[in-house]
């Protein structure tokens, strides 16, 4: 009886040591960061451009099963919401070999997403693609990085660089819209890219 108990205790101790020595499950699977994030993207920001709620700061909010990025665009004017791809402003990612990204979101009106490179961060004259309204329903859509799927708007200006070059030094995805819109982002997966937690 004592021998059986000793063996059980030794097995339990071995399993405990193995558990403590192993990396956390989320580290191996690419799950969320230790601080609030959506698919490891920690910096979802209201830029202060346009009338938005919130007006500035991180737009991540706690949900039942994690976090979501939520922002409301108000009034008929340009609004801006930013995602830093490397989770800090001065980071950038080479997405030249990426097929595109999968976005899980809800929107009450159409908007656009710009791919902003590090060397041409400021200004509205960026390559963009339309993000269709979902009528407020949560949907998942794939957005290709094929150059033919990206354009510019005369109102915002024509980029002075190629879309292909922007992919090599991508600093952020910037969501812009000129109409009132209720937005919620639940997922962002970029093919071939895993953002570092900060």
C-alpha atoms as a PDB file:
ATOM      1  CA  UNK A   1       0.000   0.000   0.000  1.00  0.00           C
ATOM      2  CA  UNK A   2       2.801   2.409   0.946  1.00  0.00           C
ATOM      3  CA  UNK A   3       4.701   1.445  -2.230  1.00  0.00           C
ATOM      4  CA  UNK A   4       1.656   2.177  -4.418  1.00  0.00           C
ATOM      5  CA  UNK A   5       1.156   5.539  -2.682  1.00  0.00           C
ATOM      6  CA  UNK A   6       4.835   6.412  -3.175  1.00  0.00           C
ATOM      7  CA  UNK A   7       4.636   5.561  -6.880  1.00  0.00           C
ATOM      8  CA  UNK A   8       1.495   7.690  -7.273  1.00  0.00           C
ATOM      9  CA  UNK A   9       3.165  10.589  -5.478  1.00  0.00           C
ATOM     10  CA  UNK A  10       6.282  10.274  -7.663  1.00  0.00           C
ATOM     11  CA  UNK A  11       4.139  10.247 -10.826  1.00  0.00           C
ATOM     12  CA  UNK A  12       2.244  13.342  -9.667  1.00  0.00           C
ATOM     13  CA  UNK A  13       5.514  15.153  -8.915  1.00  0.00           C
ATOM     14  CA  UNK A  14       6.881  14.254 -12.370  1.00  0.00           C
ATOM     15  CA  UNK A  15       3.754  15.552 -14.085  1.00  0.00           C
ATOM     16  CA  UNK A  16       3.885  18.773 -12.058  1.00  0.00           C
ATOM     17  CA  UNK A  17       7.519  19.366 -13.023  1.00  0.00           C
ATOM     18  CA  UNK A  18       6.723  18.676 -16.686  1.00  0.00           C
ATOM     19  CA  UNK A  19       3.865  21.176 -16.576  1.00  0.00           C
ATOM     20  CA  UNK A  20       6.015  23.859 -14.973  1.00  0.00           C
ATOM     21  CA  UNK A  21       8.834  23.299 -17.457  1.00  0.00           C
ATOM     22  CA  UNK A  22       6.568  23.431 -20.529  1.00  0.00           C
ATOM     23  CA  UNK A  23       5.682  26.731 -22.219  1.00  0.00           C
ATOM     24  CA  UNK A  24       2.103  27.910 -21.765  1.00  0.00           C
ATOM     25  CA  UNK A  25      -0.350  26.472 -24.294  1.00  0.00           C
ATOM     26  CA  UNK A  26      -1.046  29.891 -25.792  1.00  0.00           C
ATOM     27  CA  UNK A  27       2.666  30.474 -26.474  1.00  0.00           C
ATOM     28  CA  UNK A  28       2.818  27.429 -28.719  1.00  0.00           C
ATOM     29  CA  UNK A  29      -0.530  27.957 -30.432  1.00  0.00           C
ATOM     30  CA  UNK A  30      -0.150  31.671 -31.175  1.00  0.00           C
ATOM     31  CA  UNK A  31      -3.050  32.670 -28.936  1.00  0.00           C
ATOM     32  CA  UNK A  32      -3.536  36.043 -27.321  1.00  0.00           C
ATOM     33  CA  UNK A  33      -0.936  38.170 -25.575  1.00  0.00           C
ATOM     34  CA  UNK A  34      -0.795  38.594 -21.798  1.00  0.00           C
ATOM     35  CA  UNK A  35      -2.266  42.099 -22.185  1.00  0.00           C
ATOM     36  CA  UNK A  36      -5.479  42.893 -24.146  1.00  0.00           C
ATOM     37  CA  UNK A  37      -5.293  41.934 -27.822  1.00  0.00           C
ATOM     38  CA  UNK A  38      -7.255  40.674 -30.801  1.00  0.00           C
ATOM     39  CA  UNK A  39      -5.314  37.909 -32.568  1.00  0.00           C
ATOM     40  CA  UNK A  40      -2.166  39.241 -30.842  1.00  0.00           C
ATOM     41  CA  UNK A  41      -2.694  42.770 -32.170  1.00  0.00           C
ATOM     42  CA  UNK A  42      -2.535  44.956 -29.049  1.00  0.00           C
ATOM     43  CA  UNK A  43      -2.622  48.458 -30.514  1.00  0.00           C
ATOM     44  CA  UNK A  44      -6.077  49.319 -31.888  1.00  0.00           C
ATOM     45  CA  UNK A  45      -6.268  53.092 -31.654  1.00  0.00           C
ATOM     46  CA  UNK A  46      -8.665  55.976 -32.127  1.00  0.00           C
ATOM     47  CA  UNK A  47      -6.393  58.616 -33.668  1.00  0.00           C
ATOM     48  CA  UNK A  48      -8.384  61.729 -32.788  1.00  0.00           C
ATOM     49  CA  UNK A  49      -9.137  62.398 -36.462  1.00  0.00           C
ATOM     50  CA  UNK A  50     -12.855  62.870 -37.014  1.00  0.00           C
ATOM     51  CA  UNK A  51     -15.555  62.667 -34.379  1.00  0.00           C
ATOM     52  CA  UNK A  52     -15.304  59.193 -32.875  1.00  0.00           C
ATOM     53  CA  UNK A  53     -16.286  57.382 -29.683  1.00  0.00           C
ATOM     54  CA  UNK A  54     -13.871  56.959 -28.055  1.00  0.00           C
ATOM     55  CA  UNK A  55     -12.105  60.083 -29.320  1.00  0.00           C
ATOM     56  CA  UNK A  56      -8.548  58.835 -28.716  1.00  0.00           C
ATOM     57  CA  UNK A  57      -6.673  55.936 -27.162  1.00  0.00           C
ATOM     58  CA  UNK A  58      -6.914  52.173 -27.310  1.00  0.00           C
ATOM     59  CA  UNK A  59     -10.333  50.917 -28.421  1.00  0.00           C
ATOM     60  CA  UNK A  60     -10.014  47.357 -27.075  1.00  0.00           C
ATOM     61  CA  UNK A  61     -12.827  46.379 -24.725  1.00  0.00           C
ATOM     62  CA  UNK A  62     -13.358  43.254 -22.665  1.00  0.00           C
ATOM     63  CA  UNK A  63     -15.867  40.759 -24.029  1.00  0.00           C
ATOM     64  CA  UNK A  64     -17.152  37.467 -22.671  1.00  0.00           C
ATOM     65  CA  UNK A  65     -14.561  35.383 -24.514  1.00  0.00           C
ATOM     66  CA  UNK A  66     -11.685  37.827 -24.893  1.00  0.00           C
ATOM     67  CA  UNK A  67     -11.452  41.289 -26.421  1.00  0.00           C
ATOM     68  CA  UNK A  68     -12.934  43.259 -29.303  1.00  0.00           C
ATOM     69  CA  UNK A  69     -11.924  46.584 -30.823  1.00  0.00           C
ATOM     70  CA  UNK A  70     -14.927  48.925 -30.916  1.00  0.00           C
ATOM     71  CA  UNK A  71     -15.269  52.436 -32.281  1.00  0.00           C
ATOM     72  CA  UNK A  72     -18.110  54.613 -33.530  1.00  0.00           C
ATOM     73  CA  UNK A  73     -17.643  57.086 -36.372  1.00  0.00           C
ATOM     74  CA  UNK A  74     -19.965  60.094 -36.077  1.00  0.00           C
ATOM     75  CA  UNK A  75     -20.871  62.888 -38.493  1.00  0.00           C
ATOM     76  CA  UNK A  76     -20.086  63.180 -42.207  1.00  0.00           C
ATOM     77  CA  UNK A  77     -16.323  63.686 -42.093  1.00  0.00           C
ATOM     78  CA  UNK A  78     -13.216  61.537 -42.353  1.00  0.00           C
ATOM     79  CA  UNK A  79     -12.564  59.306 -39.338  1.00  0.00           C
ATOM     80  CA  UNK A  80      -9.455  57.241 -38.604  1.00  0.00           C
ATOM     81  CA  UNK A  81      -8.842  54.070 -36.556  1.00  0.00           C
ATOM     82  CA  UNK A  82      -5.375  52.498 -36.556  1.00  0.00           C
ATOM     83  CA  UNK A  83      -3.852  49.046 -35.995  1.00  0.00           C
ATOM     84  CA  UNK A  84      -0.069  48.965 -35.494  1.00  0.00           C
ATOM     85  CA  UNK A  85       1.102  45.717 -37.084  1.00  0.00           C
ATOM     86  CA  UNK A  86       4.155  45.308 -34.856  1.00  0.00           C
ATOM     87  CA  UNK A  87       2.317  46.513 -31.714  1.00  0.00           C
ATOM     88  CA  UNK A  88       4.436  49.667 -31.544  1.00  0.00           C
ATOM     89  CA  UNK A  89       4.644  52.666 -33.842  1.00  0.00           C
ATOM     90  CA  UNK A  90       8.246  52.256 -34.953  1.00  0.00           C
ATOM     91  CA  UNK A  91       7.840  48.577 -35.929  1.00  0.00           C
ATOM     92  CA  UNK A  92       7.123  47.344 -39.427  1.00  0.00           C
ATOM     93  CA  UNK A  93       6.433  44.053 -41.196  1.00  0.00           C
ATOM     94  CA  UNK A  94       7.413  42.643 -44.586  1.00  0.00           C
ATOM     95  CA  UNK A  95       4.141  41.353 -46.048  1.00  0.00           C
ATOM     96  CA  UNK A  96       5.446  40.944 -49.593  1.00  0.00           C
ATOM     97  CA  UNK A  97       4.949  37.163 -49.421  1.00  0.00           C
ATOM     98  CA  UNK A  98       1.537  37.339 -47.740  1.00  0.00           C
ATOM     99  CA  UNK A  99      -1.633  36.504 -49.676  1.00  0.00           C
ATOM    100  CA  UNK A 100      -3.740  38.912 -47.613  1.00  0.00           C
ATOM    101  CA  UNK A 101      -5.645  39.084 -44.351  1.00  0.00           C
ATOM    102  CA  UNK A 102      -8.831  37.711 -42.861  1.00  0.00           C
ATOM    103  CA  UNK A 103     -10.953  40.219 -40.936  1.00  0.00           C
ATOM    104  CA  UNK A 104     -13.804  39.346 -38.573  1.00  0.00           C
ATOM    105  CA  UNK A 105     -15.878  42.465 -38.070  1.00  0.00           C
ATOM    106  CA  UNK A 106     -19.235  44.198 -38.070  1.00  0.00           C
ATOM    107  CA  UNK A 107     -19.946  47.565 -39.696  1.00  0.00           C
ATOM    108  CA  UNK A 108     -23.138  49.527 -40.263  1.00  0.00           C
ATOM    109  CA  UNK A 109     -21.758  51.266 -43.382  1.00  0.00           C
ATOM    110  CA  UNK A 110     -18.971  50.878 -45.929  1.00  0.00           C
ATOM    111  CA  UNK A 111     -15.471  52.060 -45.057  1.00  0.00           C
ATOM    112  CA  UNK A 112     -11.914  51.601 -46.330  1.00  0.00           C
ATOM    113  CA  UNK A 113      -8.706  50.123 -44.986  1.00  0.00           C
ATOM    114  CA  UNK A 114      -5.369  51.645 -45.940  1.00  0.00           C
ATOM    115  CA  UNK A 115      -2.054  49.823 -45.872  1.00  0.00           C
ATOM    116  CA  UNK A 116       0.374  52.435 -44.545  1.00  0.00           C
ATOM    117  CA  UNK A 117       4.138  51.953 -44.984  1.00  0.00           C
ATOM    118  CA  UNK A 118       6.732  53.261 -42.549  1.00  0.00           C
ATOM    119  CA  UNK A 119       8.274  55.634 -45.106  1.00  0.00           C
ATOM    120  CA  UNK A 120       4.921  57.237 -46.041  1.00  0.00           C
ATOM    121  CA  UNK A 121       2.952  57.010 -42.818  1.00  0.00           C
ATOM    122  CA  UNK A 122       1.268  60.421 -42.648  1.00  0.00           C
ATOM    123  CA  UNK A 123      -1.391  61.829 -44.938  1.00  0.00           C
ATOM    124  CA  UNK A 124      -4.429  60.388 -46.654  1.00  0.00           C
ATOM    125  CA  UNK A 125      -2.796  59.585 -50.007  1.00  0.00           C
ATOM    126  CA  UNK A 126      -2.525  55.843 -49.398  1.00  0.00           C
ATOM    127  CA  UNK A 127      -3.393  52.587 -51.138  1.00  0.00           C
ATOM    128  CA  UNK A 128      -6.721  51.318 -49.863  1.00  0.00           C
ATOM    129  CA  UNK A 129      -9.441  48.760 -50.419  1.00  0.00           C
ATOM    130  CA  UNK A 130     -13.138  48.882 -49.583  1.00  0.00           C
ATOM    131  CA  UNK A 131     -14.420  47.167 -46.450  1.00  0.00           C
ATOM    132  CA  UNK A 132     -18.109  46.495 -47.144  1.00  0.00           C
ATOM    133  CA  UNK A 133     -20.881  47.121 -44.654  1.00  0.00           C
ATOM    134  CA  UNK A 134     -22.142  44.019 -42.888  1.00  0.00           C
ATOM    135  CA  UNK A 135     -25.449  45.600 -41.883  1.00  0.00           C
ATOM    136  CA  UNK A 136     -24.299  45.260 -38.289  1.00  0.00           C
ATOM    137  CA  UNK A 137     -23.834  41.480 -38.533  1.00  0.00           C
ATOM    138  CA  UNK A 138     -20.575  39.802 -37.543  1.00  0.00           C
ATOM    139  CA  UNK A 139     -18.853  38.402 -40.642  1.00  0.00           C
ATOM    140  CA  UNK A 140     -15.415  37.165 -41.695  1.00  0.00           C
ATOM    141  CA  UNK A 141     -13.967  38.292 -45.029  1.00  0.00           C
ATOM    142  CA  UNK A 142     -10.663  37.807 -46.779  1.00  0.00           C
ATOM    143  CA  UNK A 143      -8.874  40.831 -48.273  1.00  0.00           C
ATOM    144  CA  UNK A 144      -6.230  40.004 -50.862  1.00  0.00           C
ATOM    145  CA  UNK A 145      -2.859  41.749 -51.145  1.00  0.00           C
ATOM    146  CA  UNK A 146      -2.975  41.509 -54.941  1.00  0.00           C
ATOM    147  CA  UNK A 147      -2.144  45.024 -56.215  1.00  0.00           C
ATOM    148  CA  UNK A 148      -5.184  45.026 -58.530  1.00  0.00           C
ATOM    149  CA  UNK A 149      -7.438  44.866 -55.438  1.00  0.00           C
ATOM    150  CA  UNK A 150      -6.052  48.128 -54.018  1.00  0.00           C
ATOM    151  CA  UNK A 151      -6.685  51.647 -55.267  1.00  0.00           C
ATOM    152  CA  UNK A 152      -6.720  55.258 -54.082  1.00  0.00           C
ATOM    153  CA  UNK A 153      -9.367  57.944 -53.718  1.00  0.00           C
ATOM    154  CA  UNK A 154      -8.993  61.250 -55.594  1.00  0.00           C
ATOM    155  CA  UNK A 155     -10.329  63.053 -52.519  1.00  0.00           C
ATOM    156  CA  UNK A 156      -7.460  61.706 -50.400  1.00  0.00           C
ATOM    157  CA  UNK A 157      -4.724  61.888 -53.039  1.00  0.00           C
ATOM    158  CA  UNK A 158      -2.671  59.503 -55.167  1.00  0.00           C
ATOM    159  CA  UNK A 159       0.179  57.638 -53.451  1.00  0.00           C
ATOM    160  CA  UNK A 160       3.673  58.558 -54.619  1.00  0.00           C
ATOM    161  CA  UNK A 161       4.861  54.963 -54.124  1.00  0.00           C
ATOM    162  CA  UNK A 162       3.763  51.539 -55.348  1.00  0.00           C
ATOM    163  CA  UNK A 163       1.505  49.199 -53.431  1.00  0.00           C
ATOM    164  CA  UNK A 164       4.149  46.481 -53.781  1.00  0.00           C
ATOM    165  CA  UNK A 165       6.719  48.655 -52.020  1.00  0.00           C
ATOM    166  CA  UNK A 166       4.230  49.402 -49.237  1.00  0.00           C
ATOM    167  CA  UNK A 167       3.934  45.674 -48.521  1.00  0.00           C
ATOM    168  CA  UNK A 168       7.661  45.426 -47.780  1.00  0.00           C
ATOM    169  CA  UNK A 169       7.528  48.016 -44.975  1.00  0.00           C
ATOM    170  CA  UNK A 170       3.972  47.805 -43.641  1.00  0.00           C
ATOM    171  CA  UNK A 171       3.581  49.709 -40.377  1.00  0.00           C
ATOM    172  CA  UNK A 172      -0.176  49.631 -39.946  1.00  0.00           C
ATOM    173  CA  UNK A 173      -3.651  49.017 -41.233  1.00  0.00           C
ATOM    174  CA  UNK A 174      -5.688  52.203 -40.993  1.00  0.00           C
ATOM    175  CA  UNK A 175      -9.478  52.092 -41.189  1.00  0.00           C
ATOM    176  CA  UNK A 176     -10.990  55.262 -42.625  1.00  0.00           C
ATOM    177  CA  UNK A 177     -14.540  56.286 -43.367  1.00  0.00           C
ATOM    178  CA  UNK A 178     -16.513  59.444 -44.096  1.00  0.00           C
ATOM    179  CA  UNK A 179     -19.931  58.390 -42.818  1.00  0.00           C
ATOM    180  CA  UNK A 180     -21.399  57.508 -39.423  1.00  0.00           C
ATOM    181  CA  UNK A 181     -20.517  53.898 -38.667  1.00  0.00           C
ATOM    182  CA  UNK A 182     -20.537  51.495 -35.727  1.00  0.00           C
ATOM    183  CA  UNK A 183     -17.512  49.236 -35.973  1.00  0.00           C
ATOM    184  CA  UNK A 184     -16.423  46.159 -34.108  1.00  0.00           C
ATOM    185  CA  UNK A 185     -13.353  44.073 -34.907  1.00  0.00           C
ATOM    186  CA  UNK A 186     -13.178  40.535 -33.494  1.00  0.00           C
ATOM    187  CA  UNK A 187     -10.417  39.001 -35.589  1.00  0.00           C
ATOM    188  CA  UNK A 188      -7.449  39.941 -37.770  1.00  0.00           C
ATOM    189  CA  UNK A 189      -5.277  37.180 -39.235  1.00  0.00           C
ATOM    190  CA  UNK A 190      -2.572  38.153 -41.722  1.00  0.00           C
ATOM    191  CA  UNK A 191      -1.338  35.307 -43.895  1.00  0.00           C
ATOM    192  CA  UNK A 192       2.250  34.422 -42.987  1.00  0.00           C
ATOM    193  CA  UNK A 193       2.580  37.036 -40.244  1.00  0.00           C
ATOM    194  CA  UNK A 194       2.380  36.587 -36.471  1.00  0.00           C
ATOM    195  CA  UNK A 195       2.612  39.864 -34.520  1.00  0.00           C
ATOM    196  CA  UNK A 196       4.972  39.959 -31.536  1.00  0.00           C
ATOM    197  CA  UNK A 197       3.454  40.619 -28.137  1.00  0.00           C
ATOM    198  CA  UNK A 198       4.835  43.738 -26.405  1.00  0.00           C
END
